[in-house]
Amino acid sequence: MSEKIYETDELRISWKPKLCQHAAECVKGAPAVFDVGRKPWIQPENGTTDLITKVIDKCPSGALSYTRK
């Protein structure tokens, strides 16, 4: 399964596209960070660590996950 990694100084964000159910919790919760009309579609520098982790915690499929550094 392919996995894409996005990083900040505080987080390592993993996205597994094959798991995504397109519930759009990420896009609704943090549109400046998660924007499917932009490449790359995840830009963690546009949000705080707290916002990003709260939004990722709402991902129903587990396609998005994170680890704190």
PDB file of N, CA and C in Angstrom:
ATOM      1  N   MET A   1       0.851  -1.183   0.000  1.00  0.00           N
ATOM      2  CA  MET A   1       0.000   0.000   0.000  1.00  0.00           C
ATOM      3  C   MET A   1       0.889   1.235   0.000  1.00  0.00           C
ATOM      4  N   SER A   2       0.568   2.175  -0.870  1.00  0.00           N
ATOM      5  CA  SER A   2       1.391   3.379  -0.911  1.00  0.00           C
ATOM      6  C   SER A   2       1.040   4.289   0.263  1.00  0.00           C
ATOM      7  N   GLU A   3       2.024   4.996   0.705  1.00  0.00           N
ATOM      8  CA  GLU A   3       1.870   5.910   1.833  1.00  0.00           C
ATOM      9  C   GLU A   3       2.635   7.175   1.491  1.00  0.00           C
ATOM     10  N   LYS A   4       2.026   8.309   1.739  1.00  0.00           N
ATOM     11  CA  LYS A   4       2.698   9.579   1.505  1.00  0.00           C
ATOM     12  C   LYS A   4       2.942  10.235   2.862  1.00  0.00           C
ATOM     13  N   ILE A   5       4.114  10.809   3.006  1.00  0.00           N
ATOM     14  CA  ILE A   5       4.531  11.403   4.276  1.00  0.00           C
ATOM     15  C   ILE A   5       4.693  12.915   4.111  1.00  0.00           C
ATOM     16  N   TYR A   6       4.174  13.635   5.081  1.00  0.00           N
ATOM     17  CA  TYR A   6       4.308  15.089   5.153  1.00  0.00           C
ATOM     18  C   TYR A   6       4.829  15.395   6.556  1.00  0.00           C
ATOM     19  N   GLU A   7       5.782  16.321   6.653  1.00  0.00           N
ATOM     20  CA  GLU A   7       6.391  16.563   7.964  1.00  0.00           C
ATOM     21  C   GLU A   7       6.473  18.043   8.314  1.00  0.00           C
ATOM     22  N   THR A   8       6.398  18.271   9.612  1.00  0.00           N
ATOM     23  CA  THR A   8       6.720  19.575  10.192  1.00  0.00           C
ATOM     24  C   THR A   8       7.797  19.312  11.242  1.00  0.00           C
ATOM     25  N   ASP A   9       8.202  20.343  11.940  1.00  0.00           N
ATOM     26  CA  ASP A   9       9.181  20.152  13.010  1.00  0.00           C
ATOM     27  C   ASP A   9       8.615  19.297  14.139  1.00  0.00           C
ATOM     28  N   GLU A  10       7.276  19.295  14.291  1.00  0.00           N
ATOM     29  CA  GLU A  10       6.646  18.607  15.415  1.00  0.00           C
ATOM     30  C   GLU A  10       5.895  17.335  15.043  1.00  0.00           C
ATOM     31  N   LEU A  11       5.533  17.182  13.766  1.00  0.00           N
ATOM     32  CA  LEU A  11       4.682  16.057  13.354  1.00  0.00           C
ATOM     33  C   LEU A  11       5.210  15.340  12.131  1.00  0.00           C
ATOM     34  N   ARG A  12       4.884  14.068  12.076  1.00  0.00           N
ATOM     35  CA  ARG A  12       5.059  13.260  10.866  1.00  0.00           C
ATOM     36  C   ARG A  12       3.657  12.775  10.502  1.00  0.00           C
ATOM     37  N   ILE A  13       3.135  13.251   9.380  1.00  0.00           N
ATOM     38  CA  ILE A  13       1.778  12.935   8.940  1.00  0.00           C
ATOM     39  C   ILE A  13       1.856  11.893   7.834  1.00  0.00           C
ATOM     40  N   SER A  14       1.052  10.863   7.976  1.00  0.00           N
ATOM     41  CA  SER A  14       0.994   9.791   6.986  1.00  0.00           C
ATOM     42  C   SER A  14      -0.384   9.785   6.339  1.00  0.00           C
ATOM     43  N   TRP A  15      -0.408   9.665   5.013  1.00  0.00           N
ATOM     44  CA  TRP A  15      -1.670   9.530   4.277  1.00  0.00           C
ATOM     45  C   TRP A  15      -1.593   8.269   3.427  1.00  0.00           C
ATOM     46  N   LYS A  16      -2.558   7.388   3.629  1.00  0.00           N
ATOM     47  CA  LYS A  16      -2.656   6.145   2.859  1.00  0.00           C
ATOM     48  C   LYS A  16      -3.879   6.261   1.951  1.00  0.00           C
ATOM     49  N   PRO A  17      -3.665   6.677   0.693  1.00  0.00           N
ATOM     50  CA  PRO A  17      -4.780   6.968  -0.204  1.00  0.00           C
ATOM     51  C   PRO A  17      -5.747   5.811  -0.414  1.00  0.00           C
ATOM     52  N   LYS A  18      -5.266   4.597  -0.402  1.00  0.00           N
ATOM     53  CA  LYS A  18      -6.155   3.452  -0.642  1.00  0.00           C
ATOM     54  C   LYS A  18      -7.149   3.236   0.494  1.00  0.00           C
ATOM     55  N   LEU A  19      -6.866   3.776   1.674  1.00  0.00           N
ATOM     56  CA  LEU A  19      -7.784   3.652   2.805  1.00  0.00           C
ATOM     57  C   LEU A  19      -8.827   4.770   2.846  1.00  0.00           C
ATOM     58  N   CYS A  20      -8.579   5.848   2.124  1.00  0.00           N
ATOM     59  CA  CYS A  20      -9.431   7.034   2.214  1.00  0.00           C
ATOM     60  C   CYS A  20     -10.850   6.737   1.738  1.00  0.00           C
ATOM     61  N   GLN A  21     -11.830   7.117   2.574  1.00  0.00           N
ATOM     62  CA  GLN A  21     -13.250   6.937   2.249  1.00  0.00           C
ATOM     63  C   GLN A  21     -13.895   8.254   1.827  1.00  0.00           C
ATOM     64  N   HIS A  22     -13.123   9.298   1.709  1.00  0.00           N
ATOM     65  CA  HIS A  22     -13.581  10.608   1.241  1.00  0.00           C
ATOM     66  C   HIS A  22     -14.699  11.186   2.104  1.00  0.00           C
ATOM     67  N   ALA A  23     -14.588  11.009   3.408  1.00  0.00           N
ATOM     68  CA  ALA A  23     -15.554  11.589   4.344  1.00  0.00           C
ATOM     69  C   ALA A  23     -15.357  13.105   4.461  1.00  0.00           C
ATOM     70  N   ALA A  24     -14.205  13.589   4.065  1.00  0.00           N
ATOM     71  CA  ALA A  24     -13.866  15.022   4.018  1.00  0.00           C
ATOM     72  C   ALA A  24     -13.777  15.685   5.393  1.00  0.00           C
ATOM     73  N   GLU A  25     -13.591  14.898   6.441  1.00  0.00           N
ATOM     74  CA  GLU A  25     -13.409  15.491   7.775  1.00  0.00           C
ATOM     75  C   GLU A  25     -12.181  16.401   7.793  1.00  0.00           C
ATOM     76  N   CYS A  26     -11.142  16.013   7.091  1.00  0.00           N
ATOM     77  CA  CYS A  26      -9.915  16.807   7.053  1.00  0.00           C
ATOM     78  C   CYS A  26     -10.145  18.134   6.334  1.00  0.00           C
ATOM     79  N   VAL A  27     -10.790  18.075   5.190  1.00  0.00           N
ATOM     80  CA  VAL A  27     -11.038  19.268   4.387  1.00  0.00           C
ATOM     81  C   VAL A  27     -11.960  20.239   5.124  1.00  0.00           C
ATOM     82  N   LYS A  28     -12.976  19.710   5.775  1.00  0.00           N
ATOM     83  CA  LYS A  28     -13.905  20.558   6.532  1.00  0.00           C
ATOM     84  C   LYS A  28     -13.241  21.132   7.786  1.00  0.00           C
ATOM     85  N   GLY A  29     -12.405  20.341   8.428  1.00  0.00           N
ATOM     86  CA  GLY A  29     -11.812  20.747   9.698  1.00  0.00           C
ATOM     87  C   GLY A  29     -10.636  21.693   9.582  1.00  0.00           C
ATOM     88  N   ALA A  30      -9.889  21.590   8.500  1.00  0.00           N
ATOM     89  CA  ALA A  30      -8.704  22.443   8.322  1.00  0.00           C
ATOM     90  C   ALA A  30      -8.451  22.674   6.832  1.00  0.00           C
ATOM     91  N   PRO A  31      -9.298  23.477   6.186  1.00  0.00           N
ATOM     92  CA  PRO A  31      -9.172  23.668   4.738  1.00  0.00           C
ATOM     93  C   PRO A  31      -7.863  24.318   4.290  1.00  0.00           C
ATOM     94  N   ALA A  32      -7.205  25.056   5.160  1.00  0.00           N
ATOM     95  CA  ALA A  32      -5.915  25.646   4.785  1.00  0.00           C
ATOM     96  C   ALA A  32      -4.811  24.595   4.740  1.00  0.00           C
ATOM     97  N   VAL A  33      -5.007  23.505   5.468  1.00  0.00           N
ATOM     98  CA  VAL A  33      -4.019  22.425   5.513  1.00  0.00           C
ATOM     99  C   VAL A  33      -4.341  21.349   4.479  1.00  0.00           C
ATOM    100  N   PHE A  34      -5.615  20.975   4.406  1.00  0.00           N
ATOM    101  CA  PHE A  34      -6.057  19.890   3.525  1.00  0.00           C
ATOM    102  C   PHE A  34      -6.920  20.471   2.410  1.00  0.00           C
ATOM    103  N   ASP A  35      -6.383  20.523   1.197  1.00  0.00           N
ATOM    104  CA  ASP A  35      -7.094  21.118   0.064  1.00  0.00           C
ATOM    105  C   ASP A  35      -6.848  20.255  -1.164  1.00  0.00           C
ATOM    106  N   VAL A  36      -7.864  19.506  -1.576  1.00  0.00           N
ATOM    107  CA  VAL A  36      -7.704  18.565  -2.688  1.00  0.00           C
ATOM    108  C   VAL A  36      -7.486  19.257  -4.029  1.00  0.00           C
ATOM    109  N   GLY A  37      -7.713  20.545  -4.106  1.00  0.00           N
ATOM    110  CA  GLY A  37      -7.489  21.275  -5.343  1.00  0.00           C
ATOM    111  C   GLY A  37      -6.078  21.825  -5.477  1.00  0.00           C
ATOM    112  N   ARG A  38      -5.212  21.477  -4.548  1.00  0.00           N
ATOM    113  CA  ARG A  38      -3.856  22.015  -4.501  1.00  0.00           C
ATOM    114  C   ARG A  38      -2.858  20.862  -4.485  1.00  0.00           C
ATOM    115  N   LYS A  39      -1.665  21.100  -4.973  1.00  0.00           N
ATOM    116  CA  LYS A  39      -0.611  20.087  -4.915  1.00  0.00           C
ATOM    117  C   LYS A  39       0.585  20.681  -4.184  1.00  0.00           C
ATOM    118  N   PRO A  40       1.129  20.038  -3.184  1.00  0.00           N
ATOM    119  CA  PRO A  40       0.551  18.856  -2.546  1.00  0.00           C
ATOM    120  C   PRO A  40      -0.726  19.230  -1.802  1.00  0.00           C
ATOM    121  N   TRP A  41      -1.626  18.285  -1.688  1.00  0.00           N
ATOM    122  CA  TRP A  41      -2.934  18.590  -1.089  1.00  0.00           C
ATOM    123  C   TRP A  41      -2.870  18.741   0.422  1.00  0.00           C
ATOM    124  N   ILE A  42      -1.812  18.240   1.040  1.00  0.00           N
ATOM    125  CA  ILE A  42      -1.603  18.437   2.475  1.00  0.00           C
ATOM    126  C   ILE A  42      -0.432  19.406   2.645  1.00  0.00           C
ATOM    127  N   GLN A  43      -0.705  20.536   3.296  1.00  0.00           N
ATOM    128  CA  GLN A  43       0.326  21.537   3.558  1.00  0.00           C
ATOM    129  C   GLN A  43       0.299  21.870   5.051  1.00  0.00           C
ATOM    130  N   PRO A  44       0.985  21.045   5.845  1.00  0.00           N
ATOM    131  CA  PRO A  44       0.913  21.185   7.303  1.00  0.00           C
ATOM    132  C   PRO A  44       1.452  22.510   7.833  1.00  0.00           C
ATOM    133  N   GLU A  45       2.254  23.187   7.060  1.00  0.00           N
ATOM    134  CA  GLU A  45       2.771  24.480   7.509  1.00  0.00           C
ATOM    135  C   GLU A  45       1.654  25.530   7.612  1.00  0.00           C
ATOM    136  N   ASN A  46       0.481  25.217   7.075  1.00  0.00           N
ATOM    137  CA  ASN A  46      -0.648  26.152   7.103  1.00  0.00           C
ATOM    138  C   ASN A  46      -1.561  25.974   8.316  1.00  0.00           C
ATOM    139  N   GLY A  47      -1.161  25.137   9.260  1.00  0.00           N
ATOM    140  CA  GLY A  47      -1.986  24.924  10.452  1.00  0.00           C
ATOM    141  C   GLY A  47      -1.126  24.658  11.672  1.00  0.00           C
ATOM    142  N   THR A  48      -1.737  24.766  12.828  1.00  0.00           N
ATOM    143  CA  THR A  48      -1.021  24.476  14.069  1.00  0.00           C
ATOM    144  C   THR A  48      -1.004  22.966  14.314  1.00  0.00           C
ATOM    145  N   THR A  49      -0.073  22.535  15.111  1.00  0.00           N
ATOM    146  CA  THR A  49       0.003  21.118  15.471  1.00  0.00           C
ATOM    147  C   THR A  49      -1.288  20.666  16.130  1.00  0.00           C
ATOM    148  N   ASP A  50      -1.830  21.470  17.034  1.00  0.00           N
ATOM    149  CA  ASP A  50      -3.072  21.097  17.718  1.00  0.00           C
ATOM    150  C   ASP A  50      -4.229  20.940  16.744  1.00  0.00           C
ATOM    151  N   LEU A  51      -4.381  21.870  15.810  1.00  0.00           N
ATOM    152  CA  LEU A  51      -5.458  21.781  14.824  1.00  0.00           C
ATOM    153  C   LEU A  51      -5.301  20.530  13.969  1.00  0.00           C
ATOM    154  N   ILE A  52      -4.110  20.301  13.465  1.00  0.00           N
ATOM    155  CA  ILE A  52      -3.871  19.159  12.580  1.00  0.00           C
ATOM    156  C   ILE A  52      -4.148  17.847  13.296  1.00  0.00           C
ATOM    157  N   THR A  53      -3.685  17.700  14.520  1.00  0.00           N
ATOM    158  CA  THR A  53      -3.909  16.437  15.236  1.00  0.00           C
ATOM    159  C   THR A  53      -5.386  16.228  15.547  1.00  0.00           C
ATOM    160  N   LYS A  54      -6.103  17.288  15.902  1.00  0.00           N
ATOM    161  CA  LYS A  54      -7.545  17.160  16.166  1.00  0.00           C
ATOM    162  C   LYS A  54      -8.295  16.723  14.918  1.00  0.00           C
ATOM    163  N   VAL A  55      -7.936  17.286  13.779  1.00  0.00           N
ATOM    164  CA  VAL A  55      -8.597  16.934  12.524  1.00  0.00           C
ATOM    165  C   VAL A  55      -8.256  15.499  12.121  1.00  0.00           C
ATOM    166  N   ILE A  56      -6.999  15.123  12.214  1.00  0.00           N
ATOM    167  CA  ILE A  56      -6.601  13.764  11.848  1.00  0.00           C
ATOM    168  C   ILE A  56      -7.267  12.739  12.761  1.00  0.00           C
ATOM    169  N   ASP A  57      -7.442  13.072  14.023  1.00  0.00           N
ATOM    170  CA  ASP A  57      -8.116  12.154  14.947  1.00  0.00           C
ATOM    171  C   ASP A  57      -9.559  11.867  14.531  1.00  0.00           C
ATOM    172  N   LYS A  58     -10.150  12.728  13.721  1.00  0.00           N
ATOM    173  CA  LYS A  58     -11.527  12.536  13.249  1.00  0.00           C
ATOM    174  C   LYS A  58     -11.611  11.713  11.968  1.00  0.00           C
ATOM    175  N   CYS A  59     -10.489  11.354  11.385  1.00  0.00           N
ATOM    176  CA  CYS A  59     -10.485  10.587  10.132  1.00  0.00           C
ATOM    177  C   CYS A  59     -11.090   9.207  10.382  1.00  0.00           C
ATOM    178  N   PRO A  60     -12.263   8.913   9.800  1.00  0.00           N
ATOM    179  CA  PRO A  60     -12.953   7.662  10.110  1.00  0.00           C
ATOM    180  C   PRO A  60     -12.297   6.411   9.525  1.00  0.00           C
ATOM    181  N   SER A  61     -11.533   6.569   8.464  1.00  0.00           N
ATOM    182  CA  SER A  61     -10.953   5.401   7.798  1.00  0.00           C
ATOM    183  C   SER A  61      -9.557   5.054   8.293  1.00  0.00           C
ATOM    184  N   GLY A  62      -8.905   6.000   8.961  1.00  0.00           N
ATOM    185  CA  GLY A  62      -7.518   5.792   9.356  1.00  0.00           C
ATOM    186  C   GLY A  62      -6.537   6.084   8.235  1.00  0.00           C
ATOM    187  N   ALA A  63      -7.023   6.665   7.146  1.00  0.00           N
ATOM    188  CA  ALA A  63      -6.139   7.001   6.030  1.00  0.00           C
ATOM    189  C   ALA A  63      -5.114   8.055   6.436  1.00  0.00           C
ATOM    190  N   LEU A  64      -5.513   8.936   7.335  1.00  0.00           N
ATOM    191  CA  LEU A  64      -4.601   9.939   7.875  1.00  0.00           C
ATOM    192  C   LEU A  64      -4.193   9.534   9.284  1.00  0.00           C
ATOM    193  N   SER A  65      -2.914   9.635   9.562  1.00  0.00           N
ATOM    194  CA  SER A  65      -2.418   9.381  10.911  1.00  0.00           C
ATOM    195  C   SER A  65      -1.205  10.278  11.139  1.00  0.00           C
ATOM    196  N   TYR A  66      -0.767  10.341  12.367  1.00  0.00           N
ATOM    197  CA  TYR A  66       0.388  11.182  12.683  1.00  0.00           C
ATOM    198  C   TYR A  66       1.158  10.583  13.847  1.00  0.00           C
ATOM    199  N   THR A  67       2.401  10.983  13.933  1.00  0.00           N
ATOM    200  CA  THR A  67       3.212  10.726  15.115  1.00  0.00           C
ATOM    201  C   THR A  67       3.874  12.045  15.481  1.00  0.00           C
ATOM    202  N   ARG A  68       3.968  12.277  16.772  1.00  0.00           N
ATOM    203  CA  ARG A  68       4.661  13.477  17.243  1.00  0.00           C
ATOM    204  C   ARG A  68       6.154  13.184  17.295  1.00  0.00           C
ATOM    205  N   LYS A  69       6.943  14.174  16.944  1.00  0.00           N
ATOM    206  CA  LYS A  69       8.398  14.004  16.959  1.00  0.00           C
ATOM    207  C   LYS A  69       8.944  14.323  18.334  1.00  0.00           C
TER     208      LYS A  69
END
